[in-house]
Amino acid sequence: HPPHHHLHSEMWLIREGTVELTINGISHRLGAGGVGFVRSNEEHGIKNVGTGPATYYVVAIGPGADS
């Protein structure tokens, strides 16, 4: 997903593969079992940077999370 922001916070739990989570221009590599968190209105994006599929769970928290 390209960089974007929204009202709710989000948490990612990486199930398999390797992703790059970029938050406010700072990139973090996360592998299986890794966790990432972004606060409300922080610019963020996530992309698969591994050699195989990447799957992850996303938990949306706070106002706007249900939209």
N, C-alpha and C. Protein backbone atom coordinates (compact mmCIF):
# COMPACT_ATOMS: atom_id res chain seq x y z
N HIS A 1 0.84 -1.18 0.00
CA HIS A 1 0.00 0.00 0.00
C HIS A 1 0.89 1.24 0.00
N PRO A 2 0.64 2.18 -0.86
CA PRO A 2 1.45 3.39 -0.90
C PRO A 2 1.23 4.24 0.35
N PRO A 3 2.12 5.22 0.61
CA PRO A 3 1.98 6.06 1.80
C PRO A 3 0.61 6.74 1.86
N HIS A 4 0.03 6.73 3.04
CA HIS A 4 -1.28 7.34 3.28
C HIS A 4 -1.42 7.58 4.78
N HIS A 5 -2.51 8.20 5.19
CA HIS A 5 -2.80 8.38 6.62
C HIS A 5 -4.31 8.39 6.81
N HIS A 6 -4.73 8.16 8.04
CA HIS A 6 -6.15 8.17 8.38
C HIS A 6 -6.31 8.39 9.87
N LEU A 7 -7.54 8.58 10.30
CA LEU A 7 -7.83 8.93 11.68
C LEU A 7 -7.50 7.81 12.67
N HIS A 8 -7.78 6.56 12.30
CA HIS A 8 -7.55 5.47 13.24
C HIS A 8 -6.08 5.03 13.26
N SER A 9 -5.69 4.40 14.35
CA SER A 9 -4.37 3.78 14.48
C SER A 9 -4.44 2.38 13.88
N GLU A 10 -3.28 1.81 13.55
CA GLU A 10 -3.24 0.45 13.02
C GLU A 10 -2.07 -0.32 13.62
N MET A 11 -2.30 -1.63 13.76
CA MET A 11 -1.25 -2.54 14.20
C MET A 11 -1.19 -3.68 13.20
N TRP A 12 0.01 -4.10 12.82
CA TRP A 12 0.22 -5.22 11.91
C TRP A 12 0.93 -6.34 12.63
N LEU A 13 0.50 -7.55 12.41
CA LEU A 13 1.19 -8.75 12.88
C LEU A 13 1.54 -9.55 11.63
N ILE A 14 2.83 -9.71 11.39
CA ILE A 14 3.29 -10.36 10.17
C ILE A 14 3.20 -11.87 10.36
N ARG A 15 2.46 -12.53 9.49
CA ARG A 15 2.26 -13.98 9.57
C ARG A 15 3.36 -14.73 8.84
N GLU A 16 3.70 -14.26 7.63
CA GLU A 16 4.77 -14.90 6.85
C GLU A 16 5.37 -13.89 5.89
N GLY A 17 6.60 -14.14 5.49
CA GLY A 17 7.27 -13.27 4.54
C GLY A 17 7.98 -12.11 5.21
N THR A 18 8.39 -11.16 4.39
CA THR A 18 9.11 -9.98 4.87
C THR A 18 8.48 -8.74 4.24
N VAL A 19 8.16 -7.77 5.07
CA VAL A 19 7.58 -6.52 4.59
C VAL A 19 8.44 -5.35 5.04
N GLU A 20 8.26 -4.25 4.35
CA GLU A 20 8.87 -2.99 4.76
C GLU A 20 7.73 -2.06 5.13
N LEU A 21 7.69 -1.66 6.39
CA LEU A 21 6.69 -0.73 6.90
C LEU A 21 7.38 0.62 7.04
N THR A 22 6.88 1.61 6.31
CA THR A 22 7.47 2.95 6.37
C THR A 22 6.51 3.86 7.12
N ILE A 23 7.02 4.49 8.17
CA ILE A 23 6.22 5.38 9.01
C ILE A 23 6.92 6.73 9.04
N ASN A 24 6.24 7.76 8.55
CA ASN A 24 6.81 9.11 8.49
C ASN A 24 8.19 9.12 7.86
N GLY A 25 8.35 8.36 6.78
CA GLY A 25 9.60 8.34 6.02
C GLY A 25 10.69 7.43 6.56
N ILE A 26 10.46 6.76 7.67
CA ILE A 26 11.45 5.84 8.26
C ILE A 26 10.99 4.41 8.02
N SER A 27 11.85 3.62 7.37
CA SER A 27 11.48 2.25 7.00
C SER A 27 11.93 1.24 8.04
N HIS A 28 11.09 0.24 8.25
CA HIS A 28 11.35 -0.85 9.20
C HIS A 28 11.06 -2.16 8.48
N ARG A 29 12.01 -3.09 8.53
CA ARG A 29 11.81 -4.44 7.95
C ARG A 29 11.24 -5.35 9.02
N LEU A 30 10.15 -6.03 8.68
CA LEU A 30 9.49 -6.93 9.61
C LEU A 30 9.34 -8.30 8.96
N GLY A 31 9.67 -9.34 9.71
CA GLY A 31 9.49 -10.70 9.25
C GLY A 31 8.41 -11.39 10.05
N ALA A 32 8.24 -12.68 9.80
CA ALA A 32 7.22 -13.47 10.49
C ALA A 32 7.33 -13.29 11.99
N GLY A 33 6.21 -12.98 12.64
CA GLY A 33 6.18 -12.73 14.08
C GLY A 33 6.42 -11.28 14.44
N GLY A 34 6.82 -10.47 13.47
CA GLY A 34 7.06 -9.05 13.73
C GLY A 34 5.76 -8.28 13.90
N VAL A 35 5.85 -7.17 14.62
CA VAL A 35 4.68 -6.33 14.89
C VAL A 35 5.04 -4.88 14.58
N GLY A 36 4.12 -4.18 13.92
CA GLY A 36 4.29 -2.76 13.66
C GLY A 36 3.06 -2.01 14.14
N PHE A 37 3.26 -0.74 14.50
CA PHE A 37 2.15 0.08 14.98
C PHE A 37 2.30 1.48 14.44
N VAL A 38 1.20 2.07 14.01
CA VAL A 38 1.19 3.46 13.56
C VAL A 38 0.04 4.18 14.26
N ARG A 39 0.35 5.38 14.75
CA ARG A 39 -0.66 6.19 15.44
C ARG A 39 -1.55 6.93 14.45
N SER A 40 -2.62 7.44 14.95
CA SER A 40 -3.56 8.22 14.16
C SER A 40 -2.84 9.31 13.37
N ASN A 41 -3.18 9.42 12.10
CA ASN A 41 -2.69 10.45 11.18
C ASN A 41 -1.20 10.40 10.86
N GLU A 42 -0.48 9.36 11.26
CA GLU A 42 0.91 9.21 10.83
C GLU A 42 0.92 8.66 9.40
N GLU A 43 1.76 9.24 8.55
CA GLU A 43 1.86 8.73 7.19
C GLU A 43 2.57 7.39 7.21
N HIS A 44 2.01 6.42 6.51
CA HIS A 44 2.59 5.08 6.52
C HIS A 44 2.25 4.33 5.24
N GLY A 45 3.07 3.34 4.95
CA GLY A 45 2.84 2.45 3.82
C GLY A 45 3.52 1.12 4.12
N ILE A 46 3.07 0.06 3.49
CA ILE A 46 3.65 -1.26 3.71
C ILE A 46 3.78 -1.96 2.37
N LYS A 47 4.91 -2.66 2.17
CA LYS A 47 5.10 -3.40 0.93
C LYS A 47 5.89 -4.67 1.19
N ASN A 48 5.65 -5.65 0.35
CA ASN A 48 6.35 -6.92 0.41
C ASN A 48 7.75 -6.72 -0.17
N VAL A 49 8.78 -7.04 0.59
CA VAL A 49 10.16 -6.92 0.10
C VAL A 49 10.87 -8.27 0.10
N GLY A 50 10.13 -9.33 0.36
CA GLY A 50 10.69 -10.68 0.39
C GLY A 50 10.66 -11.33 -0.98
N THR A 51 11.14 -12.56 -1.02
CA THR A 51 11.17 -13.31 -2.27
C THR A 51 9.90 -14.13 -2.49
N GLY A 52 9.06 -14.23 -1.48
CA GLY A 52 7.81 -14.99 -1.57
C GLY A 52 6.65 -14.14 -1.08
N PRO A 53 5.49 -14.76 -0.92
CA PRO A 53 4.32 -14.04 -0.44
C PRO A 53 4.53 -13.51 0.98
N ALA A 54 3.85 -12.42 1.27
CA ALA A 54 3.81 -11.88 2.63
C ALA A 54 2.35 -11.79 3.04
N THR A 55 2.03 -12.33 4.20
CA THR A 55 0.67 -12.20 4.73
C THR A 55 0.76 -11.62 6.12
N TYR A 56 -0.24 -10.83 6.47
CA TYR A 56 -0.24 -10.18 7.78
C TYR A 56 -1.67 -9.85 8.19
N TYR A 57 -1.84 -9.68 9.48
CA TYR A 57 -3.12 -9.26 10.05
C TYR A 57 -3.03 -7.78 10.34
N VAL A 58 -4.13 -7.06 10.16
CA VAL A 58 -4.19 -5.64 10.48
C VAL A 58 -5.31 -5.42 11.49
N VAL A 59 -4.99 -4.73 12.57
CA VAL A 59 -5.99 -4.37 13.57
C VAL A 59 -6.12 -2.85 13.53
N ALA A 60 -7.32 -2.36 13.22
CA ALA A 60 -7.59 -0.92 13.20
C ALA A 60 -8.20 -0.53 14.54
N ILE A 61 -7.69 0.57 15.13
CA ILE A 61 -8.05 0.95 16.48
C ILE A 61 -8.48 2.41 16.52
N GLY A 62 -9.63 2.69 17.11
CA GLY A 62 -10.04 4.07 17.34
C GLY A 62 -11.07 4.57 16.34
N PRO A 63 -11.38 5.88 16.41
CA PRO A 63 -12.39 6.47 15.54
C PRO A 63 -12.06 6.23 14.07
N GLY A 64 -13.05 5.82 13.30
CA GLY A 64 -12.87 5.57 11.88
C GLY A 64 -12.42 4.16 11.56
N ALA A 65 -12.17 3.35 12.58
CA ALA A 65 -11.66 1.99 12.36
C ALA A 65 -12.68 1.10 11.67
N ASP A 66 -13.94 1.42 11.78
CA ASP A 66 -14.97 0.56 11.20
C ASP A 66 -15.34 0.97 9.77
N SER A 67 -14.64 1.95 9.22
CA SER A 67 -14.99 2.39 7.86
C SER A 67 -14.01 1.88 6.83
